[in-house]
Amino acid sequence: MSTVTKKELIDRIADETGTKRVLVKRIIQNFLDEIVNELGDGNRLEFRDFGVFECKVRAARTAQNPKTLDPVNVPAKRTVKFKIGRLMKQRLVGDGSPPPDVLDAVAPRAQQK
């Protein structure tokens, strides 16, 4: 598993479409900015088959400082929830079994036990 950056995605899309990198970068950044703006306004974003982004409010609660064990008040806050869409679910989850590369990573740990 590796991390893919926005720059790498921009380069891939520019190469695949034959479009200038600067234009692809501007489009992707505008797209991401619009997502942030809509979520900031409390709107729900639905991308069919990809997924749904929506703002949720996490209620205020009392937590515990693990070092001192003192109670700490945690204020309510807004967060973003993502619900996976149909096509992404098929691609990531498939029949419910983990992909081979995940099984390979888990197998050595299972043998050590």
PDB file of N, CA and C in Angstrom:
ATOM      1  N   MET A   1       0.851  -1.165   0.000  1.00  0.00           N
ATOM      2  CA  MET A   1       0.000   0.000   0.000  1.00  0.00           C
ATOM      3  C   MET A   1       0.903   1.236   0.000  1.00  0.00           C
ATOM      4  N   SER A   2       0.516   2.254  -0.775  1.00  0.00           N
ATOM      5  CA  SER A   2       1.305   3.476  -0.834  1.00  0.00           C
ATOM      6  C   SER A   2       0.383   4.687  -0.794  1.00  0.00           C
ATOM      7  N   THR A   3       0.983   5.848  -0.603  1.00  0.00           N
ATOM      8  CA  THR A   3       0.238   7.096  -0.581  1.00  0.00           C
ATOM      9  C   THR A   3       0.351   7.766  -1.939  1.00  0.00           C
ATOM     10  N   VAL A   4      -0.775   8.203  -2.474  1.00  0.00           N
ATOM     11  CA  VAL A   4      -0.798   8.920  -3.740  1.00  0.00           C
ATOM     12  C   VAL A   4      -1.131  10.370  -3.426  1.00  0.00           C
ATOM     13  N   THR A   5      -0.314  11.283  -3.914  1.00  0.00           N
ATOM     14  CA  THR A   5      -0.527  12.701  -3.638  1.00  0.00           C
ATOM     15  C   THR A   5      -1.378  13.344  -4.732  1.00  0.00           C
ATOM     16  N   LYS A   6      -1.847  14.549  -4.428  1.00  0.00           N
ATOM     17  CA  LYS A   6      -2.625  15.298  -5.416  1.00  0.00           C
ATOM     18  C   LYS A   6      -1.767  15.556  -6.662  1.00  0.00           C
ATOM     19  N   LYS A   7      -0.501  15.854  -6.455  1.00  0.00           N
ATOM     20  CA  LYS A   7       0.413  16.101  -7.579  1.00  0.00           C
ATOM     21  C   LYS A   7       0.503  14.878  -8.492  1.00  0.00           C
ATOM     22  N   GLU A   8       0.601  13.699  -7.898  1.00  0.00           N
ATOM     23  CA  GLU A   8       0.679  12.468  -8.695  1.00  0.00           C
ATOM     24  C   GLU A   8      -0.610  12.245  -9.478  1.00  0.00           C
ATOM     25  N   LEU A   9      -1.747  12.507  -8.847  1.00  0.00           N
ATOM     26  CA  LEU A   9      -3.019  12.367  -9.565  1.00  0.00           C
ATOM     27  C   LEU A   9      -3.100  13.355 -10.723  1.00  0.00           C
ATOM     28  N   ILE A  10      -2.671  14.576 -10.478  1.00  0.00           N
ATOM     29  CA  ILE A  10      -2.680  15.599 -11.528  1.00  0.00           C
ATOM     30  C   ILE A  10      -1.806  15.155 -12.697  1.00  0.00           C
ATOM     31  N   ASP A  11      -0.624  14.659 -12.393  1.00  0.00           N
ATOM     32  CA  ASP A  11       0.295  14.192 -13.449  1.00  0.00           C
ATOM     33  C   ASP A  11      -0.328  13.041 -14.245  1.00  0.00           C
ATOM     34  N   ARG A  12      -0.945  12.085 -13.559  1.00  0.00           N
ATOM     35  CA  ARG A  12      -1.580  10.954 -14.249  1.00  0.00           C
ATOM     36  C   ARG A  12      -2.691  11.423 -15.183  1.00  0.00           C
ATOM     37  N   ILE A  13      -3.563  12.289 -14.658  1.00  0.00           N
ATOM     38  CA  ILE A  13      -4.690  12.761 -15.464  1.00  0.00           C
ATOM     39  C   ILE A  13      -4.199  13.569 -16.654  1.00  0.00           C
ATOM     40  N   ALA A  14      -3.207  14.410 -16.439  1.00  0.00           N
ATOM     41  CA  ALA A  14      -2.653  15.214 -17.530  1.00  0.00           C
ATOM     42  C   ALA A  14      -2.065  14.305 -18.613  1.00  0.00           C
ATOM     43  N   ASP A  15      -1.338  13.275 -18.198  1.00  0.00           N
ATOM     44  CA  ASP A  15      -0.742  12.347 -19.164  1.00  0.00           C
ATOM     45  C   ASP A  15      -1.807  11.553 -19.915  1.00  0.00           C
ATOM     46  N   GLU A  16      -2.820  11.065 -19.194  1.00  0.00           N
ATOM     47  CA  GLU A  16      -3.857  10.242 -19.817  1.00  0.00           C
ATOM     48  C   GLU A  16      -4.743  11.035 -20.772  1.00  0.00           C
ATOM     49  N   THR A  17      -4.972  12.312 -20.463  1.00  0.00           N
ATOM     50  CA  THR A  17      -5.879  13.109 -21.289  1.00  0.00           C
ATOM     51  C   THR A  17      -5.155  13.989 -22.296  1.00  0.00           C
ATOM     52  N   GLY A  18      -3.836  14.106 -22.149  1.00  0.00           N
ATOM     53  CA  GLY A  18      -3.083  14.970 -23.054  1.00  0.00           C
ATOM     54  C   GLY A  18      -3.357  16.452 -22.780  1.00  0.00           C
ATOM     55  N   THR A  19      -3.826  16.747 -21.574  1.00  0.00           N
ATOM     56  CA  THR A  19      -4.140  18.116 -21.187  1.00  0.00           C
ATOM     57  C   THR A  19      -2.962  18.690 -20.415  1.00  0.00           C
ATOM     58  N   LYS A  20      -2.809  20.018 -20.497  1.00  0.00           N
ATOM     59  CA  LYS A  20      -1.710  20.652 -19.776  1.00  0.00           C
ATOM     60  C   LYS A  20      -1.898  20.469 -18.278  1.00  0.00           C
ATOM     61  N   ARG A  21      -0.786  20.219 -17.613  1.00  0.00           N
ATOM     62  CA  ARG A  21      -0.782  19.977 -16.178  1.00  0.00           C
ATOM     63  C   ARG A  21      -1.387  21.145 -15.401  1.00  0.00           C
ATOM     64  N   VAL A  22      -1.095  22.352 -15.818  1.00  0.00           N
ATOM     65  CA  VAL A  22      -1.594  23.551 -15.138  1.00  0.00           C
ATOM     66  C   VAL A  22      -3.121  23.591 -15.167  1.00  0.00           C
ATOM     67  N   LEU A  23      -3.714  23.232 -16.295  1.00  0.00           N
ATOM     68  CA  LEU A  23      -5.167  23.233 -16.417  1.00  0.00           C
ATOM     69  C   LEU A  23      -5.791  22.150 -15.533  1.00  0.00           C
ATOM     70  N   VAL A  24      -5.209  20.960 -15.543  1.00  0.00           N
ATOM     71  CA  VAL A  24      -5.715  19.864 -14.719  1.00  0.00           C
ATOM     72  C   VAL A  24      -5.615  20.241 -13.241  1.00  0.00           C
ATOM     73  N   LYS A  25      -4.500  20.853 -12.858  1.00  0.00           N
ATOM     74  CA  LYS A  25      -4.312  21.274 -11.470  1.00  0.00           C
ATOM     75  C   LYS A  25      -5.381  22.287 -11.058  1.00  0.00           C
ATOM     76  N   ARG A  26      -5.664  23.245 -11.920  1.00  0.00           N
ATOM     77  CA  ARG A  26      -6.666  24.271 -11.629  1.00  0.00           C
ATOM     78  C   ARG A  26      -8.064  23.640 -11.478  1.00  0.00           C
ATOM     79  N   ILE A  27      -8.391  22.710 -12.360  1.00  0.00           N
ATOM     80  CA  ILE A  27      -9.702  22.055 -12.308  1.00  0.00           C
ATOM     81  C   ILE A  27      -9.845  21.233 -11.027  1.00  0.00           C
ATOM     82  N   ILE A  28      -8.834  20.447 -10.706  1.00  0.00           N
ATOM     83  CA  ILE A  28      -8.906  19.615  -9.505  1.00  0.00           C
ATOM     84  C   ILE A  28      -8.973  20.483  -8.254  1.00  0.00           C
ATOM     85  N   GLN A  29      -8.175  21.560  -8.208  1.00  0.00           N
ATOM     86  CA  GLN A  29      -8.204  22.424  -7.037  1.00  0.00           C
ATOM     87  C   GLN A  29      -9.557  23.119  -6.899  1.00  0.00           C
ATOM     88  N   ASN A  30     -10.137  23.558  -8.021  1.00  0.00           N
ATOM     89  CA  ASN A  30     -11.471  24.162  -7.974  1.00  0.00           C
ATOM     90  C   ASN A  30     -12.508  23.156  -7.485  1.00  0.00           C
ATOM     91  N   PHE A  31     -12.401  21.922  -7.937  1.00  0.00           N
ATOM     92  CA  PHE A  31     -13.311  20.862  -7.512  1.00  0.00           C
ATOM     93  C   PHE A  31     -13.218  20.647  -5.996  1.00  0.00           C
ATOM     94  N   LEU A  32     -11.996  20.526  -5.496  1.00  0.00           N
ATOM     95  CA  LEU A  32     -11.799  20.323  -4.059  1.00  0.00           C
ATOM     96  C   LEU A  32     -12.280  21.528  -3.258  1.00  0.00           C
ATOM     97  N   ASP A  33     -12.027  22.739  -3.766  1.00  0.00           N
ATOM     98  CA  ASP A  33     -12.494  23.955  -3.087  1.00  0.00           C
ATOM     99  C   ASP A  33     -14.010  23.981  -2.999  1.00  0.00           C
ATOM    100  N   GLU A  34     -14.682  23.563  -4.056  1.00  0.00           N
ATOM    101  CA  GLU A  34     -16.150  23.531  -4.054  1.00  0.00           C
ATOM    102  C   GLU A  34     -16.685  22.515  -3.048  1.00  0.00           C
ATOM    103  N   ILE A  35     -16.018  21.389  -2.931  1.00  0.00           N
ATOM    104  CA  ILE A  35     -16.420  20.395  -1.932  1.00  0.00           C
ATOM    105  C   ILE A  35     -16.319  21.001  -0.542  1.00  0.00           C
ATOM    106  N   VAL A  36     -15.201  21.647  -0.254  1.00  0.00           N
ATOM    107  CA  VAL A  36     -15.010  22.272   1.061  1.00  0.00           C
ATOM    108  C   VAL A  36     -16.057  23.353   1.301  1.00  0.00           C
ATOM    109  N   ASN A  37     -16.328  24.183   0.282  1.00  0.00           N
ATOM    110  CA  ASN A  37     -17.321  25.256   0.428  1.00  0.00           C
ATOM    111  C   ASN A  37     -18.709  24.692   0.710  1.00  0.00           C
ATOM    112  N   GLU A  38     -19.102  23.675  -0.020  1.00  0.00           N
ATOM    113  CA  GLU A  38     -20.433  23.090   0.168  1.00  0.00           C
ATOM    114  C   GLU A  38     -20.562  22.443   1.541  1.00  0.00           C
ATOM    115  N   LEU A  39     -19.549  21.710   1.955  1.00  0.00           N
ATOM    116  CA  LEU A  39     -19.589  21.093   3.280  1.00  0.00           C
ATOM    117  C   LEU A  39     -19.569  22.168   4.367  1.00  0.00           C
ATOM    118  N   GLY A  40     -18.821  23.235   4.130  1.00  0.00           N
ATOM    119  CA  GLY A  40     -18.785  24.344   5.075  1.00  0.00           C
ATOM    120  C   GLY A  40     -20.139  25.003   5.235  1.00  0.00           C
ATOM    121  N   ASP A  41     -20.944  24.992   4.172  1.00  0.00           N
ATOM    122  CA  ASP A  41     -22.300  25.551   4.221  1.00  0.00           C
ATOM    123  C   ASP A  41     -23.304  24.549   4.787  1.00  0.00           C
ATOM    124  N   GLY A  42     -22.827  23.348   5.123  1.00  0.00           N
ATOM    125  CA  GLY A  42     -23.707  22.336   5.703  1.00  0.00           C
ATOM    126  C   GLY A  42     -24.436  21.494   4.677  1.00  0.00           C
ATOM    127  N   ASN A  43     -24.042  21.593   3.418  1.00  0.00           N
ATOM    128  CA  ASN A  43     -24.702  20.832   2.358  1.00  0.00           C
ATOM    129  C   ASN A  43     -24.158  19.413   2.261  1.00  0.00           C
ATOM    130  N   ARG A  44     -24.967  18.557   1.695  1.00  0.00           N
ATOM    131  CA  ARG A  44     -24.624  17.156   1.465  1.00  0.00           C
ATOM    132  C   ARG A  44     -24.168  17.033   0.019  1.00  0.00           C
ATOM    133  N   LEU A  45     -23.083  16.319  -0.221  1.00  0.00           N
ATOM    134  CA  LEU A  45     -22.577  16.104  -1.584  1.00  0.00           C
ATOM    135  C   LEU A  45     -22.721  14.638  -1.939  1.00  0.00           C
ATOM    136  N   GLU A  46     -23.399  14.388  -3.050  1.00  0.00           N
ATOM    137  CA  GLU A  46     -23.607  13.008  -3.475  1.00  0.00           C
ATOM    138  C   GLU A  46     -23.007  12.813  -4.855  1.00  0.00           C
ATOM    139  N   PHE A  47     -22.064  11.889  -4.943  1.00  0.00           N
ATOM    140  CA  PHE A  47     -21.469  11.504  -6.218  1.00  0.00           C
ATOM    141  C   PHE A  47     -21.901  10.072  -6.484  1.00  0.00           C
ATOM    142  N   ARG A  48     -22.840   9.901  -7.379  1.00  0.00           N
ATOM    143  CA  ARG A  48     -23.425   8.578  -7.646  1.00  0.00           C
ATOM    144  C   ARG A  48     -22.354   7.514  -7.816  1.00  0.00           C
ATOM    145  N   ASP A  49     -22.565   6.394  -7.180  1.00  0.00           N
ATOM    146  CA  ASP A  49     -21.704   5.225  -7.239  1.00  0.00           C
ATOM    147  C   ASP A  49     -20.341   5.425  -6.575  1.00  0.00           C
ATOM    148  N   PHE A  50     -19.953   6.670  -6.269  1.00  0.00           N
ATOM    149  CA  PHE A  50     -18.681   6.942  -5.588  1.00  0.00           C
ATOM    150  C   PHE A  50     -18.906   7.022  -4.091  1.00  0.00           C
ATOM    151  N   GLY A  51     -19.818   7.929  -3.680  1.00  0.00           N
ATOM    152  CA  GLY A  51     -20.098   8.059  -2.263  1.00  0.00           C
ATOM    153  C   GLY A  51     -20.771   9.373  -1.932  1.00  0.00           C
ATOM    154  N   VAL A  52     -21.048   9.561  -0.647  1.00  0.00           N
ATOM    155  CA  VAL A  52     -21.750  10.742  -0.163  1.00  0.00           C
ATOM    156  C   VAL A  52     -20.945  11.358   0.974  1.00  0.00           C
ATOM    157  N   PHE A  53     -20.726  12.672   0.880  1.00  0.00           N
ATOM    158  CA  PHE A  53     -20.103  13.435   1.953  1.00  0.00           C
ATOM    159  C   PHE A  53     -21.197  14.238   2.631  1.00  0.00           C
ATOM    160  N   GLU A  54     -21.220  14.220   3.955  1.00  0.00           N
ATOM    161  CA  GLU A  54     -22.164  15.081   4.653  1.00  0.00           C
ATOM    162  C   GLU A  54     -21.587  15.508   5.990  1.00  0.00           C
ATOM    163  N   CYS A  55     -22.009  16.706   6.428  1.00  0.00           N
ATOM    164  CA  CYS A  55     -21.575  17.240   7.709  1.00  0.00           C
ATOM    165  C   CYS A  55     -22.419  16.650   8.823  1.00  0.00           C
ATOM    166  N   LYS A  56     -21.765  16.322   9.894  1.00  0.00           N
ATOM    167  CA  LYS A  56     -22.438  15.843  11.091  1.00  0.00           C
ATOM    168  C   LYS A  56     -21.917  16.659  12.264  1.00  0.00           C
ATOM    169  N   VAL A  57     -22.767  16.802  13.280  1.00  0.00           N
ATOM    170  CA  VAL A  57     -22.341  17.480  14.496  1.00  0.00           C
ATOM    171  C   VAL A  57     -22.121  16.423  15.566  1.00  0.00           C
ATOM    172  N   ARG A  58     -20.913  16.405  16.104  1.00  0.00           N
ATOM    173  CA  ARG A  58     -20.607  15.483  17.199  1.00  0.00           C
ATOM    174  C   ARG A  58     -20.979  16.182  18.498  1.00  0.00           C
ATOM    175  N   ALA A  59     -21.759  15.549  19.313  1.00  0.00           N
ATOM    176  CA  ALA A  59     -22.250  16.142  20.551  1.00  0.00           C
ATOM    177  C   ALA A  59     -21.106  16.397  21.532  1.00  0.00           C
ATOM    178  N   ALA A  60     -21.298  17.383  22.381  1.00  0.00           N
ATOM    179  CA  ALA A  60     -20.329  17.650  23.438  1.00  0.00           C
ATOM    180  C   ALA A  60     -20.315  16.438  24.374  1.00  0.00           C
ATOM    181  N   ARG A  61     -19.165  16.194  24.975  1.00  0.00           N
ATOM    182  CA  ARG A  61     -19.047  15.037  25.854  1.00  0.00           C
ATOM    183  C   ARG A  61     -17.970  15.275  26.896  1.00  0.00           C
ATOM    184  N   THR A  62     -17.929  14.423  27.861  1.00  0.00           N
ATOM    185  CA  THR A  62     -16.871  14.471  28.864  1.00  0.00           C
ATOM    186  C   THR A  62     -15.944  13.299  28.609  1.00  0.00           C
ATOM    187  N   ALA A  63     -14.670  13.610  28.399  1.00  0.00           N
ATOM    188  CA  ALA A  63     -13.663  12.577  28.157  1.00  0.00           C
ATOM    189  C   ALA A  63     -12.730  12.529  29.363  1.00  0.00           C
ATOM    190  N   GLN A  64     -11.691  11.716  29.260  1.00  0.00           N
ATOM    191  CA  GLN A  64     -10.766  11.585  30.372  1.00  0.00           C
ATOM    192  C   GLN A  64      -9.345  11.746  29.866  1.00  0.00           C
ATOM    193  N   ASN A  65      -8.572  12.576  30.550  1.00  0.00           N
ATOM    194  CA  ASN A  65      -7.166  12.732  30.226  1.00  0.00           C
ATOM    195  C   ASN A  65      -6.471  11.427  30.619  1.00  0.00           C
ATOM    196  N   PRO A  66      -5.868  10.710  29.667  1.00  0.00           N
ATOM    197  CA  PRO A  66      -5.280   9.405  29.995  1.00  0.00           C
ATOM    198  C   PRO A  66      -4.083   9.496  30.947  1.00  0.00           C
ATOM    199  N   LYS A  67      -3.415  10.632  30.961  1.00  0.00           N
ATOM    200  CA  LYS A  67      -2.241  10.772  31.813  1.00  0.00           C
ATOM    201  C   LYS A  67      -2.629  11.069  33.265  1.00  0.00           C
ATOM    202  N   THR A  68      -3.557  12.015  33.445  1.00  0.00           N
ATOM    203  CA  THR A  68      -3.926  12.433  34.800  1.00  0.00           C
ATOM    204  C   THR A  68      -5.236  11.820  35.279  1.00  0.00           C
ATOM    205  N   LEU A  69      -5.992  11.239  34.361  1.00  0.00           N
ATOM    206  CA  LEU A  69      -7.309  10.665  34.628  1.00  0.00           C
ATOM    207  C   LEU A  69      -8.345  11.717  35.040  1.00  0.00           C
ATOM    208  N   ASP A  70      -8.016  12.993  34.811  1.00  0.00           N
ATOM    209  CA  ASP A  70      -8.968  14.067  35.099  1.00  0.00           C
ATOM    210  C   ASP A  70     -10.013  14.133  34.001  1.00  0.00           C
ATOM    211  N   PRO A  71     -11.267  14.452  34.357  1.00  0.00           N
ATOM    212  CA  PRO A  71     -12.293  14.633  33.326  1.00  0.00           C
ATOM    213  C   PRO A  71     -12.020  15.900  32.509  1.00  0.00           C
ATOM    214  N   VAL A  72     -12.287  15.820  31.220  1.00  0.00           N
ATOM    215  CA  VAL A  72     -12.070  16.942  30.310  1.00  0.00           C
ATOM    216  C   VAL A  72     -13.335  17.134  29.489  1.00  0.00           C
ATOM    217  N   ASN A  73     -13.821  18.372  29.432  1.00  0.00           N
ATOM    218  CA  ASN A  73     -14.999  18.660  28.605  1.00  0.00           C
ATOM    219  C   ASN A  73     -14.570  18.836  27.158  1.00  0.00           C
ATOM    220  N   VAL A  74     -15.180  18.079  26.276  1.00  0.00           N
ATOM    221  CA  VAL A  74     -14.910  18.174  24.843  1.00  0.00           C
ATOM    222  C   VAL A  74     -16.134  18.840  24.210  1.00  0.00           C
ATOM    223  N   PRO A  75     -15.935  20.011  23.585  1.00  0.00           N
ATOM    224  CA  PRO A  75     -17.087  20.717  23.013  1.00  0.00           C
ATOM    225  C   PRO A  75     -17.641  20.012  21.778  1.00  0.00           C
ATOM    226  N   ALA A  76     -18.866  20.364  21.420  1.00  0.00           N
ATOM    227  CA  ALA A  76     -19.470  19.836  20.189  1.00  0.00           C
ATOM    228  C   ALA A  76     -18.657  20.344  19.006  1.00  0.00           C
ATOM    229  N   LYS A  77     -18.593  19.554  17.959  1.00  0.00           N
ATOM    230  CA  LYS A  77     -17.880  20.011  16.767  1.00  0.00           C
ATOM    231  C   LYS A  77     -18.478  19.388  15.519  1.00  0.00           C
ATOM    232  N   ARG A  78     -18.244  20.091  14.400  1.00  0.00           N
ATOM    233  CA  ARG A  78     -18.706  19.562  13.116  1.00  0.00           C
ATOM    234  C   ARG A  78     -17.620  18.683  12.533  1.00  0.00           C
ATOM    235  N   THR A  79     -18.050  17.616  11.885  1.00  0.00           N
ATOM    236  CA  THR A  79     -17.126  16.717  11.221  1.00  0.00           C
ATOM    237  C   THR A  79     -17.758  16.265   9.914  1.00  0.00           C
ATOM    238  N   VAL A  80     -16.988  15.623   9.071  1.00  0.00           N
ATOM    239  CA  VAL A  80     -17.490  15.151   7.780  1.00  0.00           C
ATOM    240  C   VAL A  80     -17.578  13.635   7.815  1.00  0.00           C
ATOM    241  N   LYS A  81     -18.717  13.139   7.378  1.00  0.00           N
ATOM    242  CA  LYS A  81     -18.938  11.699   7.287  1.00  0.00           C
ATOM    243  C   LYS A  81     -18.932  11.334   5.803  1.00  0.00           C
ATOM    244  N   PHE A  82     -18.286  10.223   5.473  1.00  0.00           N
ATOM    245  CA  PHE A  82     -18.284   9.735   4.093  1.00  0.00           C
ATOM    246  C   PHE A  82     -18.900   8.352   4.080  1.00  0.00           C
ATOM    247  N   LYS A  83     -19.896   8.179   3.227  1.00  0.00           N
ATOM    248  CA  LYS A  83     -20.519   6.868   3.049  1.00  0.00           C
ATOM    249  C   LYS A  83     -20.132   6.365   1.663  1.00  0.00           C
ATOM    250  N   ILE A  84     -19.537   5.212   1.625  1.00  0.00           N
ATOM    251  CA  ILE A  84     -19.019   4.648   0.382  1.00  0.00           C
ATOM    252  C   ILE A  84     -20.157   4.332  -0.594  1.00  0.00           C
ATOM    253  N   GLY A  85     -19.911   4.576  -1.880  1.00  0.00           N
ATOM    254  CA  GLY A  85     -20.899   4.313  -2.916  1.00  0.00           C
ATOM    255  C   GLY A  85     -20.793   2.903  -3.480  1.00  0.00           C
ATOM    256  N   ARG A  86     -21.736   2.562  -4.325  1.00  0.00           N
ATOM    257  CA  ARG A  86     -21.848   1.201  -4.851  1.00  0.00           C
ATOM    258  C   ARG A  86     -20.602   0.733  -5.613  1.00  0.00           C
ATOM    259  N   LEU A  87     -20.133   1.518  -6.583  1.00  0.00           N
ATOM    260  CA  LEU A  87     -18.987   1.076  -7.379  1.00  0.00           C
ATOM    261  C   LEU A  87     -17.714   1.003  -6.551  1.00  0.00           C
ATOM    262  N   MET A  88     -17.525   1.976  -5.657  1.00  0.00           N
ATOM    263  CA  MET A  88     -16.335   1.927  -4.812  1.00  0.00           C
ATOM    264  C   MET A  88     -16.410   0.726  -3.876  1.00  0.00           C
ATOM    265  N   LYS A  89     -17.590   0.442  -3.375  1.00  0.00           N
ATOM    266  CA  LYS A  89     -17.751  -0.703  -2.483  1.00  0.00           C
ATOM    267  C   LYS A  89     -17.414  -1.996  -3.215  1.00  0.00           C
ATOM    268  N   GLN A  90     -17.880  -2.120  -4.452  1.00  0.00           N
ATOM    269  CA  GLN A  90     -17.569  -3.318  -5.243  1.00  0.00           C
ATOM    270  C   GLN A  90     -16.061  -3.441  -5.460  1.00  0.00           C
ATOM    271  N   ARG A  91     -15.418  -2.321  -5.738  1.00  0.00           N
ATOM    272  CA  ARG A  91     -13.973  -2.324  -6.015  1.00  0.00           C
ATOM    273  C   ARG A  91     -13.156  -2.626  -4.763  1.00  0.00           C
ATOM    274  N   LEU A  92     -13.574  -2.058  -3.630  1.00  0.00           N
ATOM    275  CA  LEU A  92     -12.799  -2.211  -2.402  1.00  0.00           C
ATOM    276  C   LEU A  92     -13.166  -3.462  -1.618  1.00  0.00           C
ATOM    277  N   VAL A  93     -14.448  -3.758  -1.551  1.00  0.00           N
ATOM    278  CA  VAL A  93     -14.909  -4.855  -0.711  1.00  0.00           C
ATOM    279  C   VAL A  93     -15.122  -6.120  -1.532  1.00  0.00           C
ATOM    280  N   GLY A  94     -15.671  -5.970  -2.733  1.00  0.00           N
ATOM    281  CA  GLY A  94     -15.912  -7.120  -3.602  1.00  0.00           C
ATOM    282  C   GLY A  94     -16.824  -8.130  -2.941  1.00  0.00           C
ATOM    283  N   ASP A  95     -16.347  -9.356  -2.801  1.00  0.00           N
ATOM    284  CA  ASP A  95     -17.166 -10.415  -2.201  1.00  0.00           C
ATOM    285  C   ASP A  95     -16.994 -10.482  -0.684  1.00  0.00           C
ATOM    286  N   GLY A  96     -16.259  -9.529  -0.137  1.00  0.00           N
ATOM    287  CA  GLY A  96     -16.073  -9.503   1.315  1.00  0.00           C
ATOM    288  C   GLY A  96     -14.739 -10.058   1.752  1.00  0.00           C
ATOM    289  N   SER A  97     -14.028 -10.740   0.855  1.00  0.00           N
ATOM    290  CA  SER A  97     -12.716 -11.266   1.242  1.00  0.00           C
ATOM    291  C   SER A  97     -11.652 -10.195   0.980  1.00  0.00           C
ATOM    292  N   PRO A  98     -10.601 -10.155   1.808  1.00  0.00           N
ATOM    293  CA  PRO A  98      -9.569  -9.144   1.603  1.00  0.00           C
ATOM    294  C   PRO A  98      -8.778  -9.418   0.334  1.00  0.00           C
ATOM    295  N   PRO A  99      -8.238  -8.369  -0.305  1.00  0.00           N
ATOM    296  CA  PRO A  99      -7.438  -8.566  -1.511  1.00  0.00           C
ATOM    297  C   PRO A  99      -6.156  -9.332  -1.200  1.00  0.00           C
ATOM    298  N   PRO A 100      -5.547  -9.955  -2.218  1.00  0.00           N
ATOM    299  CA  PRO A 100      -4.360 -10.798  -1.995  1.00  0.00           C
ATOM    300  C   PRO A 100      -3.216 -10.073  -1.292  1.00  0.00           C
ATOM    301  N   ASP A 101      -2.973  -8.789  -1.616  1.00  0.00           N
ATOM    302  CA  ASP A 101      -1.854  -8.084  -0.995  1.00  0.00           C
ATOM    303  C   ASP A 101      -2.074  -7.901   0.510  1.00  0.00           C
ATOM    304  N   VAL A 102      -3.313  -7.785   0.939  1.00  0.00           N
ATOM    305  CA  VAL A 102      -3.609  -7.680   2.366  1.00  0.00           C
ATOM    306  C   VAL A 102      -3.389  -9.037   3.029  1.00  0.00           C
ATOM    307  N   LEU A 103      -3.797 -10.104   2.353  1.00  0.00           N
ATOM    308  CA  LEU A 103      -3.584 -11.444   2.900  1.00  0.00           C
ATOM    309  C   LEU A 103      -2.101 -11.744   3.048  1.00  0.00           C
ATOM    310  N   ASP A 104      -1.287 -11.314   2.077  1.00  0.00           N
ATOM    311  CA  ASP A 104       0.154 -11.537   2.146  1.00  0.00           C
ATOM    312  C   ASP A 104       0.769 -10.809   3.337  1.00  0.00           C
ATOM    313  N   ALA A 105       0.268  -9.613   3.621  1.00  0.00           N
ATOM    314  CA  ALA A 105       0.798  -8.836   4.744  1.00  0.00           C
ATOM    315  C   ALA A 105       0.393  -9.433   6.079  1.00  0.00           C
ATOM    316  N   VAL A 106      -0.778 -10.054   6.137  1.00  0.00           N
ATOM    317  CA  VAL A 106      -1.281 -10.630   7.382  1.00  0.00           C
ATOM    318  C   VAL A 106      -0.692 -12.014   7.626  1.00  0.00           C
ATOM    319  N   ALA A 107      -0.396 -12.757   6.588  1.00  0.00           N
ATOM    320  CA  ALA A 107       0.072 -14.139   6.727  1.00  0.00           C
ATOM    321  C   ALA A 107       1.325 -14.278   7.584  1.00  0.00           C
ATOM    322  N   PRO A 108       2.367 -13.454   7.411  1.00  0.00           N
ATOM    323  CA  PRO A 108       3.561 -13.634   8.251  1.00  0.00           C
ATOM    324  C   PRO A 108       3.260 -13.445   9.731  1.00  0.00           C
ATOM    325  N   ARG A 109       2.374 -12.497  10.068  1.00  0.00           N
ATOM    326  CA  ARG A 109       2.018 -12.276  11.473  1.00  0.00           C
ATOM    327  C   ARG A 109       1.280 -13.483  12.036  1.00  0.00           C
ATOM    328  N   ALA A 110       0.444 -14.110  11.234  1.00  0.00           N
ATOM    329  CA  ALA A 110      -0.319 -15.269  11.688  1.00  0.00           C
ATOM    330  C   ALA A 110       0.627 -16.450  11.979  1.00  0.00           C
ATOM    331  N   GLN A 111       1.714 -16.566  11.197  1.00  0.00           N
ATOM    332  CA  GLN A 111       2.665 -17.656  11.391  1.00  0.00           C
ATOM    333  C   GLN A 111       3.496 -17.456  12.652  1.00  0.00           C
ATOM    334  N   GLN A 112       3.712 -16.180  13.048  1.00  0.00           N
ATOM    335  CA  GLN A 112       4.518 -15.891  14.221  1.00  0.00           C
ATOM    336  C   GLN A 112       3.817 -16.285  15.508  1.00  0.00           C
ATOM    337  N   LYS A 113       2.507 -16.299  15.523  1.00  0.00           N
ATOM    338  CA  LYS A 113       1.738 -16.579  16.742  1.00  0.00           C
ATOM    339  C   LYS A 113       1.717 -18.026  17.095  1.00  0.00           C
TER     340      LYS A 113
END
